[in-house]
Amino acid sequence: MDSSQRFEGLEYAKPIVVGDNSWLGAGATVIGGVTLGDNVVLAGVPARVIRTFT
């Protein structure tokens, strides 16, 4: 989109939902529309689950 279209409000963001007791490493990239569960550790670009806690 060019800047004039963005200023008209045609662009929107999808929510990112982060569960309880979750940790995102520095530099992890999470795109809109993603739901992260409870008790997870994410790292990398793109982010991926590297560990779960019980």
PDB file of N, CA and C in Angstrom:
ATOM      1  N   MET A   1       0.840  -1.187   0.000  1.00  0.00           N
ATOM      2  CA  MET A   1       0.000   0.000   0.000  1.00  0.00           C
ATOM      3  C   MET A   1       0.878   1.241   0.000  1.00  0.00           C
ATOM      4  N   ASP A   2       0.443   2.243  -0.703  1.00  0.00           N
ATOM      5  CA  ASP A   2       1.190   3.488  -0.597  1.00  0.00           C
ATOM      6  C   ASP A   2       0.700   4.260   0.623  1.00  0.00           C
ATOM      7  N   SER A   3       1.437   5.273   1.015  1.00  0.00           N
ATOM      8  CA  SER A   3       1.155   5.975   2.279  1.00  0.00           C
ATOM      9  C   SER A   3      -0.225   6.605   2.306  1.00  0.00           C
ATOM     10  N   SER A   4      -0.738   7.091   1.181  1.00  0.00           N
ATOM     11  CA  SER A   4      -2.063   7.723   1.204  1.00  0.00           C
ATOM     12  C   SER A   4      -3.144   6.707   1.565  1.00  0.00           C
ATOM     13  N   GLN A   5      -3.017   5.463   1.105  1.00  0.00           N
ATOM     14  CA  GLN A   5      -3.996   4.444   1.469  1.00  0.00           C
ATOM     15  C   GLN A   5      -3.897   4.074   2.945  1.00  0.00           C
ATOM     16  N   ARG A   6      -2.695   3.999   3.489  1.00  0.00           N
ATOM     17  CA  ARG A   6      -2.546   3.665   4.901  1.00  0.00           C
ATOM     18  C   ARG A   6      -3.186   4.728   5.781  1.00  0.00           C
ATOM     19  N   PHE A   7      -3.030   5.984   5.423  1.00  0.00           N
ATOM     20  CA  PHE A   7      -3.596   7.064   6.221  1.00  0.00           C
ATOM     21  C   PHE A   7      -5.115   7.088   6.152  1.00  0.00           C
ATOM     22  N   GLU A   8      -5.708   6.457   5.151  1.00  0.00           N
ATOM     23  CA  GLU A   8      -7.164   6.398   5.044  1.00  0.00           C
ATOM     24  C   GLU A   8      -7.758   5.318   5.940  1.00  0.00           C
ATOM     25  N   GLY A   9      -6.912   4.553   6.604  1.00  0.00           N
ATOM     26  CA  GLY A   9      -7.397   3.531   7.516  1.00  0.00           C
ATOM     27  C   GLY A   9      -7.717   2.212   6.851  1.00  0.00           C
ATOM     28  N   LEU A  10      -7.204   1.962   5.652  1.00  0.00           N
ATOM     29  CA  LEU A  10      -7.492   0.725   4.954  1.00  0.00           C
ATOM     30  C   LEU A  10      -6.649  -0.444   5.452  1.00  0.00           C
ATOM     31  N   GLU A  11      -5.599  -0.138   6.168  1.00  0.00           N
ATOM     32  CA  GLU A  11      -4.731  -1.177   6.702  1.00  0.00           C
ATOM     33  C   GLU A  11      -5.161  -1.487   8.135  1.00  0.00           C
ATOM     34  N   TYR A  12      -5.145  -2.741   8.495  1.00  0.00           N
ATOM     35  CA  TYR A  12      -5.495  -3.108   9.868  1.00  0.00           C
ATOM     36  C   TYR A  12      -4.554  -4.205  10.339  1.00  0.00           C
ATOM     37  N   ALA A  13      -4.438  -4.298  11.628  1.00  0.00           N
ATOM     38  CA  ALA A  13      -3.538  -5.288  12.218  1.00  0.00           C
ATOM     39  C   ALA A  13      -4.350  -6.416  12.837  1.00  0.00           C
ATOM     40  N   LYS A  14      -3.869  -7.634  12.671  1.00  0.00           N
ATOM     41  CA  LYS A  14      -4.497  -8.776  13.324  1.00  0.00           C
ATOM     42  C   LYS A  14      -3.887  -8.899  14.714  1.00  0.00           C
ATOM     43  N   PRO A  15      -4.663  -9.308  15.703  1.00  0.00           N
ATOM     44  CA  PRO A  15      -4.138  -9.393  17.070  1.00  0.00           C
ATOM     45  C   PRO A  15      -3.149 -10.545  17.246  1.00  0.00           C
ATOM     46  N   ILE A  16      -2.252 -10.384  18.189  1.00  0.00           N
ATOM     47  CA  ILE A  16      -1.349 -11.440  18.636  1.00  0.00           C
ATOM     48  C   ILE A  16      -1.738 -11.753  20.069  1.00  0.00           C
ATOM     49  N   VAL A  17      -2.063 -13.003  20.352  1.00  0.00           N
ATOM     50  CA  VAL A  17      -2.484 -13.413  21.688  1.00  0.00           C
ATOM     51  C   VAL A  17      -1.356 -14.231  22.308  1.00  0.00           C
ATOM     52  N   VAL A  18      -0.894 -13.800  23.484  1.00  0.00           N
ATOM     53  CA  VAL A  18       0.192 -14.486  24.187  1.00  0.00           C
ATOM     54  C   VAL A  18      -0.379 -15.112  25.452  1.00  0.00           C
ATOM     55  N   GLY A  19      -0.167 -16.412  25.615  1.00  0.00           N
ATOM     56  CA  GLY A  19      -0.683 -17.137  26.765  1.00  0.00           C
ATOM     57  C   GLY A  19       0.066 -16.796  28.047  1.00  0.00           C
ATOM     58  N   ASP A  20      -0.443 -17.300  29.148  1.00  0.00           N
ATOM     59  CA  ASP A  20       0.166 -17.085  30.459  1.00  0.00           C
ATOM     60  C   ASP A  20       1.501 -17.823  30.558  1.00  0.00           C
ATOM     61  N   ASN A  21       2.429 -17.246  31.307  1.00  0.00           N
ATOM     62  CA  ASN A  21       3.716 -17.849  31.602  1.00  0.00           C
ATOM     63  C   ASN A  21       4.494 -18.200  30.331  1.00  0.00           C
ATOM     64  N   SER A  22       4.395 -17.345  29.300  1.00  0.00           N
ATOM     65  CA  SER A  22       5.106 -17.555  28.046  1.00  0.00           C
ATOM     66  C   SER A  22       6.250 -16.567  27.944  1.00  0.00           C
ATOM     67  N   TRP A  23       7.292 -16.945  27.219  1.00  0.00           N
ATOM     68  CA  TRP A  23       8.492 -16.128  27.109  1.00  0.00           C
ATOM     69  C   TRP A  23       8.898 -16.054  25.644  1.00  0.00           C
ATOM     70  N   LEU A  24       9.132 -14.846  25.152  1.00  0.00           N
ATOM     71  CA  LEU A  24       9.606 -14.639  23.784  1.00  0.00           C
ATOM     72  C   LEU A  24      11.038 -14.140  23.860  1.00  0.00           C
ATOM     73  N   GLY A  25      11.941 -14.827  23.189  1.00  0.00           N
ATOM     74  CA  GLY A  25      13.339 -14.444  23.189  1.00  0.00           C
ATOM     75  C   GLY A  25      13.556 -13.130  22.449  1.00  0.00           C
ATOM     76  N   ALA A  26      14.667 -12.460  22.766  1.00  0.00           N
ATOM     77  CA  ALA A  26      15.009 -11.203  22.108  1.00  0.00           C
ATOM     78  C   ALA A  26      15.129 -11.433  20.615  1.00  0.00           C
ATOM     79  N   GLY A  27      14.490 -10.589  19.841  1.00  0.00           N
ATOM     80  CA  GLY A  27      14.569 -10.679  18.393  1.00  0.00           C
ATOM     81  C   GLY A  27      13.579 -11.645  17.767  1.00  0.00           C
ATOM     82  N   ALA A  28      12.762 -12.339  18.575  1.00  0.00           N
ATOM     83  CA  ALA A  28      11.757 -13.247  18.015  1.00  0.00           C
ATOM     84  C   ALA A  28      10.726 -12.422  17.247  1.00  0.00           C
ATOM     85  N   THR A  29      10.327 -12.895  16.078  1.00  0.00           N
ATOM     86  CA  THR A  29       9.340 -12.199  15.261  1.00  0.00           C
ATOM     87  C   THR A  29       8.058 -13.007  15.242  1.00  0.00           C
ATOM     88  N   VAL A  30       6.959 -12.389  15.665  1.00  0.00           N
ATOM     89  CA  VAL A  30       5.650 -13.031  15.673  1.00  0.00           C
ATOM     90  C   VAL A  30       4.736 -12.186  14.800  1.00  0.00           C
ATOM     91  N   ILE A  31       4.112 -12.797  13.803  1.00  0.00           N
ATOM     92  CA  ILE A  31       3.243 -12.040  12.898  1.00  0.00           C
ATOM     93  C   ILE A  31       1.822 -11.979  13.445  1.00  0.00           C
ATOM     94  N   GLY A  32       1.044 -11.033  12.957  1.00  0.00           N
ATOM     95  CA  GLY A  32      -0.328 -10.858  13.394  1.00  0.00           C
ATOM     96  C   GLY A  32      -1.184 -12.081  13.109  1.00  0.00           C
ATOM     97  N   GLY A  33      -2.161 -12.305  13.950  1.00  0.00           N
ATOM     98  CA  GLY A  33      -3.075 -13.419  13.792  1.00  0.00           C
ATOM     99  C   GLY A  33      -2.622 -14.692  14.479  1.00  0.00           C
ATOM    100  N   VAL A  34      -1.477 -14.639  15.183  1.00  0.00           N
ATOM    101  CA  VAL A  34      -0.929 -15.821  15.848  1.00  0.00           C
ATOM    102  C   VAL A  34      -1.396 -15.861  17.300  1.00  0.00           C
ATOM    103  N   THR A  35      -1.730 -17.053  17.777  1.00  0.00           N
ATOM    104  CA  THR A  35      -2.054 -17.277  19.180  1.00  0.00           C
ATOM    105  C   THR A  35      -0.998 -18.193  19.765  1.00  0.00           C
ATOM    106  N   LEU A  36      -0.345 -17.741  20.823  1.00  0.00           N
ATOM    107  CA  LEU A  36       0.666 -18.536  21.516  1.00  0.00           C
ATOM    108  C   LEU A  36       0.030 -19.137  22.753  1.00  0.00           C
ATOM    109  N   GLY A  37       0.279 -20.404  22.986  1.00  0.00           N
ATOM    110  CA  GLY A  37      -0.311 -21.086  24.129  1.00  0.00           C
ATOM    111  C   GLY A  37       0.340 -20.697  25.444  1.00  0.00           C
ATOM    112  N   ASP A  38      -0.110 -21.315  26.510  1.00  0.00           N
ATOM    113  CA  ASP A  38       0.453 -21.112  27.836  1.00  0.00           C
ATOM    114  C   ASP A  38       1.756 -21.905  27.975  1.00  0.00           C
ATOM    115  N   ASN A  39       2.652 -21.401  28.821  1.00  0.00           N
ATOM    116  CA  ASN A  39       3.854 -22.125  29.234  1.00  0.00           C
ATOM    117  C   ASN A  39       4.782 -22.502  28.081  1.00  0.00           C
ATOM    118  N   VAL A  40       5.050 -21.580  27.163  1.00  0.00           N
ATOM    119  CA  VAL A  40       5.951 -21.866  26.047  1.00  0.00           C
ATOM    120  C   VAL A  40       7.101 -20.864  26.005  1.00  0.00           C
ATOM    121  N   VAL A  41       8.191 -21.283  25.371  1.00  0.00           N
ATOM    122  CA  VAL A  41       9.341 -20.420  25.121  1.00  0.00           C
ATOM    123  C   VAL A  41       9.516 -20.343  23.615  1.00  0.00           C
ATOM    124  N   LEU A  42       9.577 -19.110  23.062  1.00  0.00           N
ATOM    125  CA  LEU A  42       9.763 -18.919  21.626  1.00  0.00           C
ATOM    126  C   LEU A  42      11.067 -18.211  21.359  1.00  0.00           C
ATOM    127  N   ALA A  43      11.683 -18.568  20.243  1.00  0.00           N
ATOM    128  CA  ALA A  43      12.917 -17.908  19.831  1.00  0.00           C
ATOM    129  C   ALA A  43      13.034 -17.990  18.322  1.00  0.00           C
ATOM    130  N   GLY A  44      13.801 -17.060  17.753  1.00  0.00           N
ATOM    131  CA  GLY A  44      14.124 -17.130  16.336  1.00  0.00           C
ATOM    132  C   GLY A  44      13.277 -16.237  15.457  1.00  0.00           C
ATOM    133  N   VAL A  45      13.658 -16.236  14.183  1.00  0.00           N
ATOM    134  CA  VAL A  45      12.948 -15.472  13.160  1.00  0.00           C
ATOM    135  C   VAL A  45      12.741 -16.414  11.981  1.00  0.00           C
ATOM    136  N   PRO A  46      11.529 -16.844  11.696  1.00  0.00           N
ATOM    137  CA  PRO A  46      10.315 -16.593  12.469  1.00  0.00           C
ATOM    138  C   PRO A  46      10.338 -17.373  13.782  1.00  0.00           C
ATOM    139  N   ALA A  47       9.558 -16.889  14.738  1.00  0.00           N
ATOM    140  CA  ALA A  47       9.533 -17.515  16.066  1.00  0.00           C
ATOM    141  C   ALA A  47       9.004 -18.943  15.973  1.00  0.00           C
ATOM    142  N   ARG A  48       9.554 -19.806  16.791  1.00  0.00           N
ATOM    143  CA  ARG A  48       9.086 -21.185  16.887  1.00  0.00           C
ATOM    144  C   ARG A  48       9.203 -21.630  18.338  1.00  0.00           C
ATOM    145  N   VAL A  49       8.360 -22.565  18.722  1.00  0.00           N
ATOM    146  CA  VAL A  49       8.392 -23.073  20.090  1.00  0.00           C
ATOM    147  C   VAL A  49       9.652 -23.918  20.242  1.00  0.00           C
ATOM    148  N   ILE A  50      10.451 -23.611  21.285  1.00  0.00           N
ATOM    149  CA  ILE A  50      11.645 -24.404  21.551  1.00  0.00           C
ATOM    150  C   ILE A  50      11.520 -25.191  22.840  1.00  0.00           C
ATOM    151  N   ARG A  51      10.537 -24.869  23.670  1.00  0.00           N
ATOM    152  CA  ARG A  51      10.357 -25.594  24.932  1.00  0.00           C
ATOM    153  C   ARG A  51       8.963 -25.332  25.460  1.00  0.00           C
ATOM    154  N   THR A  52       8.403 -26.318  26.132  1.00  0.00           N
ATOM    155  CA  THR A  52       7.132 -26.130  26.839  1.00  0.00           C
ATOM    156  C   THR A  52       7.352 -26.492  28.305  1.00  0.00           C
ATOM    157  N   PHE A  53       6.576 -25.859  29.170  1.00  0.00           N
ATOM    158  CA  PHE A  53       6.646 -26.104  30.602  1.00  0.00           C
ATOM    159  C   PHE A  53       5.358 -26.755  31.046  1.00  0.00           C
ATOM    160  N   THR A  54       5.438 -27.536  32.097  1.00  0.00           N
ATOM    161  CA  THR A  54       4.219 -28.167  32.617  1.00  0.00           C
ATOM    162  C   THR A  54       3.796 -27.510  33.893  1.00  0.00           C
TER     163      THR A  54
END
